[in-house]
């Protein structure tokens, strides 16, 4: 998942839009995630899977959930997470 901050988004919004064509873009303000940008042309099912994976990865990275819980949220196997 592509991640950018508010300053870079203001400076170059086209880059975030280009990245959103491929995968959701996480927008950070300071060290906190504040928004998620995704392309509306993608299918809803694909976008939902990407969002679940991104959420699981973020929660695991922040040590809010375990690796097993991240796998369950994302719908991926433990070995693929």
C-alpha atoms as a PDB file:
ATOM      1  CA  UNK A   1       0.000   0.000   0.000  1.00  0.00           C
ATOM      2  CA  UNK A   2       1.282   3.427  -0.934  1.00  0.00           C
ATOM      3  CA  UNK A   3       1.496   5.851   1.974  1.00  0.00           C
ATOM      4  CA  UNK A   4       1.831   9.616   1.811  1.00  0.00           C
ATOM      5  CA  UNK A   5       1.415  12.513   4.198  1.00  0.00           C
ATOM      6  CA  UNK A   6      -0.796  15.575   3.957  1.00  0.00           C
ATOM      7  CA  UNK A   7       2.105  17.835   2.947  1.00  0.00           C
ATOM      8  CA  UNK A   8       3.061  15.605  -0.003  1.00  0.00           C
ATOM      9  CA  UNK A   9      -0.586  15.220  -0.964  1.00  0.00           C
ATOM     10  CA  UNK A  10      -0.975  19.009  -1.170  1.00  0.00           C
ATOM     11  CA  UNK A  11       2.278  19.322  -3.097  1.00  0.00           C
ATOM     12  CA  UNK A  12       1.547  16.567  -5.636  1.00  0.00           C
ATOM     13  CA  UNK A  13      -2.033  15.245  -5.594  1.00  0.00           C
ATOM     14  CA  UNK A  14      -1.578  13.673  -9.032  1.00  0.00           C
ATOM     15  CA  UNK A  15       0.946  11.195  -7.634  1.00  0.00           C
ATOM     16  CA  UNK A  16      -1.540   9.984  -5.030  1.00  0.00           C
ATOM     17  CA  UNK A  17      -4.232   9.629  -7.701  1.00  0.00           C
ATOM     18  CA  UNK A  18      -1.868   7.635  -9.930  1.00  0.00           C
ATOM     19  CA  UNK A  19      -0.999   5.357  -7.044  1.00  0.00           C
ATOM     20  CA  UNK A  20      -4.696   4.939  -6.172  1.00  0.00           C
ATOM     21  CA  UNK A  21      -5.270   3.435  -9.618  1.00  0.00           C
ATOM     22  CA  UNK A  22      -3.137   0.477  -8.478  1.00  0.00           C
ATOM     23  CA  UNK A  23      -3.919   0.189  -4.755  1.00  0.00           C
ATOM     24  CA  UNK A  24      -5.438   2.198  -1.899  1.00  0.00           C
ATOM     25  CA  UNK A  25      -3.393   5.164  -0.690  1.00  0.00           C
ATOM     26  CA  UNK A  26      -3.044   5.727   3.045  1.00  0.00           C
ATOM     27  CA  UNK A  27      -2.771   9.410   3.986  1.00  0.00           C
ATOM     28  CA  UNK A  28      -0.976  10.193   7.224  1.00  0.00           C
ATOM     29  CA  UNK A  29      -1.087  13.320   9.368  1.00  0.00           C
ATOM     30  CA  UNK A  30       1.926  13.204  11.621  1.00  0.00           C
ATOM     31  CA  UNK A  31       2.245   9.573  12.667  1.00  0.00           C
ATOM     32  CA  UNK A  32      -1.483   8.865  12.513  1.00  0.00           C
ATOM     33  CA  UNK A  33      -3.445   7.543   9.537  1.00  0.00           C
ATOM     34  CA  UNK A  34      -6.192  10.025   8.695  1.00  0.00           C
ATOM     35  CA  UNK A  35      -7.648   9.024   5.331  1.00  0.00           C
ATOM     36  CA  UNK A  36      -7.705   6.355   2.701  1.00  0.00           C
ATOM     37  CA  UNK A  37      -7.875   7.144  -1.004  1.00  0.00           C
ATOM     38  CA  UNK A  38      -9.003   4.513  -3.490  1.00  0.00           C
ATOM     39  CA  UNK A  39     -10.004   4.404  -7.129  1.00  0.00           C
ATOM     40  CA  UNK A  40     -13.733   4.141  -7.754  1.00  0.00           C
ATOM     41  CA  UNK A  41     -13.195   2.312 -11.044  1.00  0.00           C
ATOM     42  CA  UNK A  42     -11.967  -0.783  -9.199  1.00  0.00           C
ATOM     43  CA  UNK A  43     -14.518  -3.367  -8.216  1.00  0.00           C
ATOM     44  CA  UNK A  44     -15.992  -3.106  -4.747  1.00  0.00           C
ATOM     45  CA  UNK A  45     -14.881  -6.654  -3.866  1.00  0.00           C
ATOM     46  CA  UNK A  46     -11.284  -5.920  -4.843  1.00  0.00           C
ATOM     47  CA  UNK A  47     -11.311  -2.657  -2.899  1.00  0.00           C
ATOM     48  CA  UNK A  48     -12.792  -4.371   0.155  1.00  0.00           C
ATOM     49  CA  UNK A  49     -10.022  -6.989   0.132  1.00  0.00           C
ATOM     50  CA  UNK A  50      -7.353  -4.320  -0.205  1.00  0.00           C
ATOM     51  CA  UNK A  51      -8.839  -2.339   2.674  1.00  0.00           C
ATOM     52  CA  UNK A  52      -9.017  -5.392   4.935  1.00  0.00           C
ATOM     53  CA  UNK A  53      -5.390  -6.217   4.173  1.00  0.00           C
ATOM     54  CA  UNK A  54      -4.287  -2.629   4.778  1.00  0.00           C
ATOM     55  CA  UNK A  55      -6.192  -2.420   8.052  1.00  0.00           C
ATOM     56  CA  UNK A  56      -4.790  -5.726   9.268  1.00  0.00           C
ATOM     57  CA  UNK A  57      -1.226  -4.713   8.368  1.00  0.00           C
ATOM     58  CA  UNK A  58      -1.574  -1.344  10.079  1.00  0.00           C
ATOM     59  CA  UNK A  59      -3.042  -2.815  13.271  1.00  0.00           C
ATOM     60  CA  UNK A  60      -0.360  -5.510  13.387  1.00  0.00           C
ATOM     61  CA  UNK A  61       2.413  -2.973  12.772  1.00  0.00           C
ATOM     62  CA  UNK A  62       1.102  -0.848  15.649  1.00  0.00           C
ATOM     63  CA  UNK A  63       1.004  -3.983  17.852  1.00  0.00           C
ATOM     64  CA  UNK A  64      -2.726  -3.678  18.394  1.00  0.00           C
ATOM     65  CA  UNK A  65      -3.421  -7.211  17.135  1.00  0.00           C
ATOM     66  CA  UNK A  66      -1.478 -10.445  16.745  1.00  0.00           C
ATOM     67  CA  UNK A  67      -0.277 -11.913  13.465  1.00  0.00           C
ATOM     68  CA  UNK A  68      -3.038 -14.523  13.633  1.00  0.00           C
ATOM     69  CA  UNK A  69      -5.690 -11.845  14.093  1.00  0.00           C
ATOM     70  CA  UNK A  70      -4.215  -9.893  11.162  1.00  0.00           C
ATOM     71  CA  UNK A  71      -4.448 -12.989   8.983  1.00  0.00           C
ATOM     72  CA  UNK A  72      -8.064 -13.502  10.023  1.00  0.00           C
ATOM     73  CA  UNK A  73      -9.044  -9.869   9.322  1.00  0.00           C
ATOM     74  CA  UNK A  74      -7.296  -9.812   5.948  1.00  0.00           C
ATOM     75  CA  UNK A  75      -8.640 -13.187   4.880  1.00  0.00           C
ATOM     76  CA  UNK A  76      -5.117 -14.353   4.026  1.00  0.00           C
ATOM     77  CA  UNK A  77      -3.379 -17.439   5.321  1.00  0.00           C
ATOM     78  CA  UNK A  78      -0.866 -17.006   8.102  1.00  0.00           C
ATOM     79  CA  UNK A  79       1.993 -17.839   5.724  1.00  0.00           C
ATOM     80  CA  UNK A  80       0.836 -15.189   3.191  1.00  0.00           C
ATOM     81  CA  UNK A  81       0.544 -12.402   5.692  1.00  0.00           C
END
